[in-house]
Amino acid sequence: MKLKKKLIWIFSISGILLLGFIAFISQYAYIVPKNNYSILDQSGDIRIESYPKLKEVKFMYNTDLYIEFTRPINLKLEKINFRFNDEVIGTAEINKNLSELEDFAEPYIDEKTKEKIIRKIYPLQKEFLRILGRNAEVYDSLEDGRFYIDIYIKDLKTNETFIIKRDNIHIYYESAGIKLFSM
């Protein structure tokens, strides 16, 4: 009988300690399921006089390219060059009409212009991992230099290509695994 009471007591204390440990970890730790990059794009708004229907082209935190425009638009997202200082370190070939890109959210009406604004995204996380490395091997070398992204868009009527330069961006790499919150 004494052995049974001791085992119950040991399992009870072990269970309480385990629950306390789990509660502690859940408050101070989180799991990153896979390696990823994030981006902070502070390049500012774009204004292209020849294409007033193109309202916004920027990067979202999760590296998706975000584009706003009004219809009709006859532009194609050709490619994106990743540059470190003045050297191209990789290219994402896209070649898709802006209207064919993935919907980001429902269109909205601009309060000032009363135009219907279409919102699209193009996911680029796989391209960031391919070009910059799955283990931050390229990213680590970017710490001391300048990182730029050039977005090539082609006017399908005139076959003219123009470049939108995103030159005030910061990239961050996070590897998969258990992470502790910094205090």
C-alpha atoms as a PDB file:
ATOM      1  CA  MET A   1       0.000   0.000   0.000  1.00  0.00           C
ATOM      2  CA  LYS A   2       2.838   2.385   0.861  1.00  0.00           C
ATOM      3  CA  LEU A   3       4.398   1.832  -2.559  1.00  0.00           C
ATOM      4  CA  LYS A   4       1.111   2.703  -4.274  1.00  0.00           C
ATOM      5  CA  LYS A   5       0.826   5.978  -2.291  1.00  0.00           C
ATOM      6  CA  LYS A   6       4.444   6.880  -3.109  1.00  0.00           C
ATOM      7  CA  LEU A   7       3.867   6.257  -6.835  1.00  0.00           C
ATOM      8  CA  ILE A   8       0.698   8.364  -6.832  1.00  0.00           C
ATOM      9  CA  TRP A   9       2.560  11.134  -4.993  1.00  0.00           C
ATOM     10  CA  ILE A  10       5.526  10.976  -7.442  1.00  0.00           C
ATOM     11  CA  PHE A  11       3.248  11.031 -10.502  1.00  0.00           C
ATOM     12  CA  SER A  12       1.216  13.923  -9.039  1.00  0.00           C
ATOM     13  CA  ILE A  13       4.309  16.028  -8.337  1.00  0.00           C
ATOM     14  CA  SER A  14       5.768  15.131 -11.760  1.00  0.00           C
ATOM     15  CA  GLY A  15       2.502  16.151 -13.449  1.00  0.00           C
ATOM     16  CA  ILE A  16       2.398  19.473 -11.603  1.00  0.00           C
ATOM     17  CA  LEU A  17       6.037  20.204 -12.502  1.00  0.00           C
ATOM     18  CA  LEU A  18       5.412  19.251 -16.138  1.00  0.00           C
ATOM     19  CA  LEU A  19       2.367  21.539 -16.347  1.00  0.00           C
ATOM     20  CA  GLY A  20       4.353  24.371 -14.746  1.00  0.00           C
ATOM     21  CA  PHE A  21       7.182  23.862 -17.244  1.00  0.00           C
ATOM     22  CA  ILE A  22       4.750  23.875 -20.179  1.00  0.00           C
ATOM     23  CA  ALA A  23       3.094  27.057 -18.866  1.00  0.00           C
ATOM     24  CA  PHE A  24       6.504  28.714 -18.471  1.00  0.00           C
ATOM     25  CA  ILE A  25       7.660  27.701 -21.969  1.00  0.00           C
ATOM     26  CA  SER A  26       4.408  28.796 -23.609  1.00  0.00           C
ATOM     27  CA  GLN A  27       4.866  32.310 -22.177  1.00  0.00           C
ATOM     28  CA  TYR A  28       8.524  32.701 -23.089  1.00  0.00           C
ATOM     29  CA  ALA A  29       8.982  30.558 -26.188  1.00  0.00           C
ATOM     30  CA  TYR A  30       7.474  30.072 -29.629  1.00  0.00           C
ATOM     31  CA  ILE A  31       8.015  27.691 -32.505  1.00  0.00           C
ATOM     32  CA  VAL A  32       9.129  28.786 -35.973  1.00  0.00           C
ATOM     33  CA  PRO A  33       7.905  25.966 -38.249  1.00  0.00           C
ATOM     34  CA  LYS A  34      10.319  26.615 -41.130  1.00  0.00           C
ATOM     35  CA  ASN A  35      13.173  28.901 -42.178  1.00  0.00           C
ATOM     36  CA  ASN A  36      11.917  32.231 -43.497  1.00  0.00           C
ATOM     37  CA  TYR A  37      12.804  35.782 -44.391  1.00  0.00           C
ATOM     38  CA  SER A  38      10.907  38.907 -43.506  1.00  0.00           C
ATOM     39  CA  ILE A  39      11.351  42.345 -44.979  1.00  0.00           C
ATOM     40  CA  LEU A  40      10.865  45.915 -43.840  1.00  0.00           C
ATOM     41  CA  ASP A  41      10.291  48.099 -46.914  1.00  0.00           C
ATOM     42  CA  GLN A  42      10.698  51.792 -46.149  1.00  0.00           C
ATOM     43  CA  SER A  43      11.308  52.933 -49.720  1.00  0.00           C
ATOM     44  CA  GLY A  44       8.281  55.203 -49.797  1.00  0.00           C
ATOM     45  CA  ASP A  45       5.415  55.533 -52.232  1.00  0.00           C
ATOM     46  CA  ILE A  46       5.831  55.103 -55.953  1.00  0.00           C
ATOM     47  CA  ARG A  47       4.546  57.676 -58.396  1.00  0.00           C
ATOM     48  CA  ILE A  48       4.909  56.847 -62.071  1.00  0.00           C
ATOM     49  CA  GLU A  49       3.486  59.638 -64.184  1.00  0.00           C
ATOM     50  CA  SER A  50       3.059  57.462 -67.288  1.00  0.00           C
ATOM     51  CA  TYR A  51       1.068  54.845 -65.314  1.00  0.00           C
ATOM     52  CA  PRO A  52      -1.351  56.638 -62.988  1.00  0.00           C
ATOM     53  CA  LYS A  53      -3.459  53.462 -62.708  1.00  0.00           C
ATOM     54  CA  LEU A  54      -0.573  51.777 -60.856  1.00  0.00           C
ATOM     55  CA  LYS A  55      -1.132  53.018 -57.307  1.00  0.00           C
ATOM     56  CA  GLU A  56       1.239  51.020 -55.075  1.00  0.00           C
ATOM     57  CA  VAL A  57       4.096  48.534 -55.388  1.00  0.00           C
ATOM     58  CA  LYS A  58       5.798  47.491 -52.144  1.00  0.00           C
ATOM     59  CA  PHE A  59       6.818  44.516 -50.042  1.00  0.00           C
ATOM     60  CA  MET A  60       4.804  43.183 -47.162  1.00  0.00           C
ATOM     61  CA  TYR A  61       6.543  41.984 -43.993  1.00  0.00           C
ATOM     62  CA  ASN A  62       6.335  38.303 -45.081  1.00  0.00           C
ATOM     63  CA  THR A  63       8.148  39.150 -48.386  1.00  0.00           C
ATOM     64  CA  ASP A  64       5.005  39.098 -50.557  1.00  0.00           C
ATOM     65  CA  LEU A  65       5.030  41.762 -53.283  1.00  0.00           C
ATOM     66  CA  TYR A  66       1.902  43.911 -52.826  1.00  0.00           C
ATOM     67  CA  ILE A  67       0.452  45.785 -55.834  1.00  0.00           C
ATOM     68  CA  GLU A  68      -2.526  48.151 -56.046  1.00  0.00           C
ATOM     69  CA  PHE A  69      -3.996  49.370 -59.323  1.00  0.00           C
ATOM     70  CA  THR A  70      -7.193  50.448 -61.036  1.00  0.00           C
ATOM     71  CA  ARG A  71      -8.635  48.786 -64.113  1.00  0.00           C
ATOM     72  CA  PRO A  72      -8.075  48.600 -66.977  1.00  0.00           C
ATOM     73  CA  ILE A  73      -4.362  47.944 -66.606  1.00  0.00           C
ATOM     74  CA  ASN A  74      -2.170  46.367 -69.233  1.00  0.00           C
ATOM     75  CA  LEU A  75       1.054  45.750 -67.313  1.00  0.00           C
ATOM     76  CA  LYS A  76       3.082  42.596 -66.745  1.00  0.00           C
ATOM     77  CA  LEU A  77       5.317  41.811 -63.774  1.00  0.00           C
ATOM     78  CA  GLU A  78       8.403  40.513 -65.594  1.00  0.00           C
ATOM     79  CA  LYS A  79      11.053  39.844 -62.989  1.00  0.00           C
ATOM     80  CA  ILE A  80      12.589  40.933 -59.728  1.00  0.00           C
ATOM     81  CA  ASN A  81      16.330  41.427 -59.284  1.00  0.00           C
ATOM     82  CA  PHE A  82      17.900  41.048 -55.858  1.00  0.00           C
ATOM     83  CA  ARG A  83      20.989  43.253 -55.596  1.00  0.00           C
ATOM     84  CA  PHE A  84      23.698  43.617 -53.008  1.00  0.00           C
ATOM     85  CA  ASN A  85      25.514  46.918 -53.426  1.00  0.00           C
ATOM     86  CA  ASP A  86      25.638  47.149 -57.243  1.00  0.00           C
ATOM     87  CA  GLU A  87      25.776  43.426 -58.043  1.00  0.00           C
ATOM     88  CA  VAL A  88      22.756  41.289 -58.984  1.00  0.00           C
ATOM     89  CA  ILE A  89      22.854  38.238 -56.692  1.00  0.00           C
ATOM     90  CA  GLY A  90      19.688  36.601 -58.021  1.00  0.00           C
ATOM     91  CA  THR A  91      16.616  37.019 -60.210  1.00  0.00           C
ATOM     92  CA  ALA A  92      13.030  35.838 -59.798  1.00  0.00           C
ATOM     93  CA  GLU A  93      11.486  35.383 -63.263  1.00  0.00           C
ATOM     94  CA  ILE A  94       7.704  35.963 -63.014  1.00  0.00           C
ATOM     95  CA  ASN A  95       6.175  37.053 -66.370  1.00  0.00           C
ATOM     96  CA  LYS A  96       2.563  37.461 -65.233  1.00  0.00           C
ATOM     97  CA  ASN A  97      -0.011  40.099 -66.052  1.00  0.00           C
ATOM     98  CA  LEU A  98      -0.841  42.140 -62.933  1.00  0.00           C
ATOM     99  CA  SER A  99      -4.511  41.150 -63.249  1.00  0.00           C
ATOM    100  CA  GLU A 100      -3.509  37.455 -63.046  1.00  0.00           C
ATOM    101  CA  LEU A 101      -1.750  37.782 -59.695  1.00  0.00           C
ATOM    102  CA  GLU A 102      -3.297  36.363 -56.526  1.00  0.00           C
ATOM    103  CA  ASP A 103      -6.007  38.513 -54.896  1.00  0.00           C
ATOM    104  CA  PHE A 104      -4.899  40.014 -51.611  1.00  0.00           C
ATOM    105  CA  ALA A 105      -8.280  41.254 -50.448  1.00  0.00           C
ATOM    106  CA  GLU A 106     -11.520  42.609 -51.774  1.00  0.00           C
ATOM    107  CA  PRO A 107     -11.206  45.791 -53.868  1.00  0.00           C
ATOM    108  CA  TYR A 108     -11.981  49.060 -52.129  1.00  0.00           C
ATOM    109  CA  ILE A 109     -13.073  52.529 -53.243  1.00  0.00           C
ATOM    110  CA  ASP A 110     -10.487  55.279 -52.799  1.00  0.00           C
ATOM    111  CA  GLU A 111     -12.153  58.085 -50.820  1.00  0.00           C
ATOM    112  CA  LYS A 112     -10.337  60.869 -52.699  1.00  0.00           C
ATOM    113  CA  THR A 113     -10.561  59.648 -56.300  1.00  0.00           C
ATOM    114  CA  LYS A 114     -13.652  57.402 -55.968  1.00  0.00           C
ATOM    115  CA  GLU A 115     -11.775  54.778 -58.034  1.00  0.00           C
ATOM    116  CA  LYS A 116     -12.070  51.070 -57.403  1.00  0.00           C
ATOM    117  CA  ILE A 117      -8.643  49.877 -56.211  1.00  0.00           C
ATOM    118  CA  ILE A 118      -7.617  46.262 -56.936  1.00  0.00           C
ATOM    119  CA  ARG A 119      -5.171  44.637 -54.481  1.00  0.00           C
ATOM    120  CA  LYS A 120      -2.916  41.773 -55.563  1.00  0.00           C
ATOM    121  CA  ILE A 121       0.090  39.934 -54.141  1.00  0.00           C
ATOM    122  CA  TYR A 122       2.870  37.775 -55.475  1.00  0.00           C
ATOM    123  CA  PRO A 123       4.439  35.444 -52.840  1.00  0.00           C
ATOM    124  CA  LEU A 124       8.243  35.575 -52.896  1.00  0.00           C
ATOM    125  CA  GLN A 125       9.313  33.626 -49.781  1.00  0.00           C
ATOM    126  CA  LYS A 126      10.579  30.684 -51.882  1.00  0.00           C
ATOM    127  CA  GLU A 127      12.600  33.075 -54.051  1.00  0.00           C
ATOM    128  CA  PHE A 128      14.133  34.751 -50.983  1.00  0.00           C
ATOM    129  CA  LEU A 129      15.138  31.323 -49.649  1.00  0.00           C
ATOM    130  CA  ARG A 130      16.486  30.237 -53.045  1.00  0.00           C
ATOM    131  CA  ILE A 131      18.485  33.409 -53.669  1.00  0.00           C
ATOM    132  CA  LEU A 132      19.568  34.405 -50.160  1.00  0.00           C
ATOM    133  CA  GLY A 133      19.971  30.906 -48.772  1.00  0.00           C
ATOM    134  CA  ARG A 134      17.998  28.479 -46.628  1.00  0.00           C
ATOM    135  CA  ASN A 135      20.452  28.799 -43.776  1.00  0.00           C
ATOM    136  CA  ALA A 136      21.184  32.518 -44.047  1.00  0.00           C
ATOM    137  CA  GLU A 137      24.503  31.786 -45.750  1.00  0.00           C
ATOM    138  CA  VAL A 138      24.050  34.725 -48.137  1.00  0.00           C
ATOM    139  CA  TYR A 139      22.137  36.884 -45.668  1.00  0.00           C
ATOM    140  CA  ASP A 140      25.009  36.822 -43.190  1.00  0.00           C
ATOM    141  CA  SER A 141      27.208  38.476 -45.800  1.00  0.00           C
ATOM    142  CA  LEU A 142      24.662  41.278 -46.338  1.00  0.00           C
ATOM    143  CA  GLU A 143      25.107  42.774 -42.862  1.00  0.00           C
ATOM    144  CA  ASP A 144      27.768  45.285 -43.934  1.00  0.00           C
ATOM    145  CA  GLY A 145      26.392  46.239 -47.358  1.00  0.00           C
ATOM    146  CA  ARG A 146      23.310  47.677 -49.023  1.00  0.00           C
ATOM    147  CA  PHE A 147      20.491  45.407 -50.192  1.00  0.00           C
ATOM    148  CA  TYR A 148      18.196  46.525 -53.044  1.00  0.00           C
ATOM    149  CA  ILE A 149      15.329  45.020 -54.984  1.00  0.00           C
ATOM    150  CA  ASP A 150      14.459  46.095 -58.538  1.00  0.00           C
ATOM    151  CA  ILE A 151      10.965  45.281 -59.860  1.00  0.00           C
ATOM    152  CA  TYR A 152      10.639  45.107 -63.655  1.00  0.00           C
ATOM    153  CA  ILE A 153       7.201  45.894 -65.074  1.00  0.00           C
ATOM    154  CA  LYS A 154       6.406  45.878 -68.799  1.00  0.00           C
ATOM    155  CA  ASP A 155       3.731  47.917 -70.561  1.00  0.00           C
ATOM    156  CA  LEU A 156       2.095  45.399 -72.894  1.00  0.00           C
ATOM    157  CA  LYS A 157       0.879  48.112 -75.280  1.00  0.00           C
ATOM    158  CA  THR A 158       4.236  49.801 -75.868  1.00  0.00           C
ATOM    159  CA  ASN A 159       6.586  46.937 -74.892  1.00  0.00           C
ATOM    160  CA  GLU A 160       8.426  49.449 -72.711  1.00  0.00           C
ATOM    161  CA  THR A 161       9.854  48.079 -69.449  1.00  0.00           C
ATOM    162  CA  PHE A 162      10.307  50.298 -66.431  1.00  0.00           C
ATOM    163  CA  ILE A 163      12.016  49.560 -63.134  1.00  0.00           C
ATOM    164  CA  ILE A 164      10.658  50.270 -59.673  1.00  0.00           C
ATOM    165  CA  LYS A 165      13.591  50.483 -57.276  1.00  0.00           C
ATOM    166  CA  ARG A 166      13.047  49.516 -53.644  1.00  0.00           C
ATOM    167  CA  ASP A 167      16.212  50.839 -52.039  1.00  0.00           C
ATOM    168  CA  ASN A 168      15.406  51.401 -48.381  1.00  0.00           C
ATOM    169  CA  ILE A 169      14.697  47.884 -47.197  1.00  0.00           C
ATOM    170  CA  HIS A 170      15.927  45.665 -44.406  1.00  0.00           C
ATOM    171  CA  ILE A 171      15.763  41.885 -44.491  1.00  0.00           C
ATOM    172  CA  TYR A 172      15.677  39.519 -41.547  1.00  0.00           C
ATOM    173  CA  TYR A 173      16.264  35.782 -41.447  1.00  0.00           C
ATOM    174  CA  GLU A 174      14.694  33.422 -38.926  1.00  0.00           C
ATOM    175  CA  SER A 175      15.642  29.749 -38.788  1.00  0.00           C
ATOM    176  CA  ALA A 176      13.186  27.021 -37.889  1.00  0.00           C
ATOM    177  CA  GLY A 177      13.022  25.759 -34.303  1.00  0.00           C
ATOM    178  CA  ILE A 178      12.082  26.778 -30.779  1.00  0.00           C
ATOM    179  CA  LYS A 179      12.801  30.433 -30.029  1.00  0.00           C
ATOM    180  CA  LEU A 180      12.746  32.329 -26.735  1.00  0.00           C
ATOM    181  CA  PHE A 181      11.206  35.783 -26.489  1.00  0.00           C
ATOM    182  CA  SER A 182      13.860  38.365 -25.688  1.00  0.00           C
ATOM    183  CA  MET A 183      13.094  40.568 -22.747  1.00  0.00           C
END
